[in-house]
Amino acid sequence: VMHQNFGVLLVSQFTLYGVLKGNKPDFHVAMPPEKAKVFYASLVDKFRKSYSPDAVQGFAEISKGCCGSGTIEFGQSCKGQKTCDDPTKFMYWDAIHPTQQMYKILADEGIKEVAEDVLV
C-alpha cells in the first residue's frame, strides 16, 4: 500500500517484485475487457462443472481448503497452519486458491479448448 496525494494505491506483491527485478508491468498488452469477461466466465464455468456430482474429478472436499480450518486462512495466514495429508483430494489449497490438482484440471480443459479452436 502506498500513499499518493492523500489517496491509497494498492500494489500487488507480484508487481512490486517485478519492479524490484527490473520488470515493469505493462498492462497495455493485457487482454481487452470484452475478451477478459468471456475468459473469466469460461473459467467460472469450469469451476462449476468441477463441483457437479457428474464430474469425476476425485475431490473428497470441495467446500474447504487444505490449510488450517480451510474456511478463512489464505496466503501468509496459512504459514504454520496444519495442512491436509493429501492435497490432491481438495479443490482448494486455502480459503481462496485452488490446489495444484484443480489448476491441472483447469489447464487441461483450457488446452483442450485451444487445441479444438486451432485444429478445427
Protein backbone atom coordinates (compact mmCIF):
# COMPACT_ATOMS: atom_id res chain seq x y z
CA VAL A 1 0.00 0.00 0.00
CA MET A 2 1.43 3.36 -0.99
CA HIS A 3 0.22 6.86 -0.17
CA GLN A 4 -0.05 9.10 -3.22
CA ASN A 5 -1.51 12.60 -2.91
CA PHE A 6 -3.57 11.55 0.10
CA GLY A 7 -5.02 8.59 -1.76
CA VAL A 8 -4.23 4.94 -1.27
CA LEU A 9 -2.79 2.82 -4.04
CA LEU A 10 -2.81 -0.94 -3.61
CA VAL A 11 0.04 -2.69 -5.37
CA SER A 12 0.27 -6.47 -5.51
CA GLN A 13 3.34 -8.27 -4.21
CA PHE A 14 3.94 -9.66 -7.71
CA THR A 15 4.03 -6.15 -9.20
CA LEU A 16 6.43 -4.95 -6.50
CA TYR A 17 8.69 -7.97 -7.01
CA GLY A 18 8.67 -7.41 -10.77
CA VAL A 19 9.67 -3.77 -10.32
CA LEU A 20 12.41 -4.86 -7.89
CA LYS A 21 13.76 -7.26 -10.53
CA GLY A 22 13.57 -4.60 -13.25
CA ASN A 23 10.43 -5.93 -14.95
CA LYS A 24 7.97 -3.08 -15.07
CA PRO A 25 4.48 -4.47 -15.69
CA ASP A 26 2.81 -3.24 -18.86
CA PHE A 27 -0.95 -3.52 -18.90
CA HIS A 28 -1.23 -2.08 -22.41
CA VAL A 29 -0.85 -5.59 -23.81
CA ALA A 30 -3.33 -7.10 -21.35
CA MET A 31 -6.46 -8.84 -22.56
CA PRO A 32 -9.13 -6.30 -23.58
CA PRO A 33 -12.17 -6.12 -21.25
CA GLU A 34 -14.54 -7.73 -23.78
CA LYS A 35 -12.33 -10.81 -24.09
CA ALA A 36 -11.47 -10.82 -20.38
CA LYS A 37 -15.17 -11.08 -19.45
CA VAL A 38 -15.64 -14.10 -21.73
CA PHE A 39 -12.42 -15.69 -20.45
CA TYR A 40 -13.42 -15.17 -16.80
CA ALA A 41 -16.93 -16.54 -17.42
CA SER A 42 -15.42 -19.64 -19.01
CA LEU A 43 -13.12 -20.13 -16.01
CA VAL A 44 -16.04 -19.82 -13.58
CA ASP A 45 -17.99 -22.31 -15.71
CA LYS A 46 -15.13 -24.82 -15.43
CA PHE A 47 -15.16 -24.46 -11.63
CA ARG A 48 -18.92 -25.01 -11.57
CA LYS A 49 -18.60 -28.15 -13.70
CA SER A 50 -15.96 -29.45 -11.30
CA TYR A 51 -18.47 -29.06 -8.46
CA SER A 52 -21.16 -31.05 -10.24
CA PRO A 53 -21.91 -34.56 -8.96
CA ASP A 54 -21.49 -35.85 -12.53
CA ALA A 55 -17.89 -34.65 -12.66
CA VAL A 56 -15.43 -37.40 -11.85
CA GLN A 57 -12.57 -35.30 -10.53
CA GLY A 58 -11.73 -37.34 -7.43
CA PHE A 59 -12.12 -34.48 -4.95
CA ALA A 60 -13.12 -35.60 -1.47
CA GLU A 61 -13.53 -31.99 -0.28
CA ILE A 62 -14.86 -29.12 -2.39
CA SER A 63 -16.10 -26.69 0.25
CA LYS A 64 -13.00 -26.24 2.42
CA GLY A 65 -9.33 -25.60 1.77
CA CYS A 66 -6.44 -27.88 2.72
CA CYS A 67 -4.74 -25.34 5.02
CA GLY A 68 -5.82 -24.66 8.61
CA SER A 69 -9.59 -24.65 9.10
CA GLY A 70 -9.98 -24.33 5.33
CA THR A 71 -12.50 -21.54 5.67
CA ILE A 72 -10.70 -18.28 6.46
CA GLU A 73 -6.95 -18.74 6.07
CA PHE A 74 -5.27 -17.80 2.80
CA GLY A 75 -1.82 -16.78 1.64
CA GLN A 76 0.50 -15.85 4.51
CA SER A 77 -2.11 -16.70 7.15
CA CYS A 78 -1.59 -20.37 6.24
CA LYS A 79 2.03 -20.16 7.38
CA GLY A 80 2.50 -22.52 10.31
CA GLN A 81 -1.02 -23.96 9.98
CA LYS A 82 -1.65 -27.69 9.74
CA THR A 83 -2.33 -28.87 6.19
CA CYS A 84 -4.21 -31.89 4.90
CA ASP A 85 -2.41 -35.18 4.22
CA ASP A 86 -3.45 -35.40 0.56
CA PRO A 87 -3.98 -32.05 -1.24
CA THR A 88 -5.00 -33.88 -4.44
CA LYS A 89 -8.31 -34.69 -2.74
CA PHE A 90 -9.04 -30.99 -2.16
CA MET A 91 -10.31 -28.48 -4.71
CA TYR A 92 -8.83 -25.56 -2.75
CA TRP A 93 -5.42 -25.16 -1.10
CA ASP A 94 -6.62 -22.39 1.21
CA ALA A 95 -9.85 -20.44 1.50
CA ILE A 96 -9.49 -18.92 -1.98
CA HIS A 97 -6.71 -20.56 -4.03
CA PRO A 98 -7.20 -23.79 -6.00
CA THR A 99 -4.88 -26.74 -5.39
CA GLN A 100 -2.34 -27.90 -7.94
CA GLN A 101 -4.77 -30.68 -8.90
CA MET A 102 -7.53 -28.15 -9.65
CA TYR A 103 -5.14 -25.94 -11.62
CA LYS A 104 -4.17 -29.03 -13.65
CA ILE A 105 -7.83 -29.72 -14.45
CA LEU A 106 -8.37 -26.09 -15.50
CA ALA A 107 -5.19 -26.09 -17.60
CA ASP A 108 -6.11 -29.38 -19.30
CA GLU A 109 -9.55 -28.01 -20.16
CA GLY A 110 -8.05 -24.77 -21.45
CA ILE A 111 -5.50 -26.61 -23.60
CA LYS A 112 -8.25 -28.84 -24.98
CA GLU A 113 -10.35 -25.79 -25.93
CA VAL A 114 -7.41 -24.04 -27.57
CA ALA A 115 -6.49 -27.21 -29.48
CA GLU A 116 -10.09 -27.55 -30.71
CA ASP A 117 -10.07 -23.92 -31.90
CA VAL A 118 -6.69 -24.25 -33.60
CA LEU A 119 -7.15 -27.69 -35.13
CA VAL A 120 -10.70 -27.21 -36.42
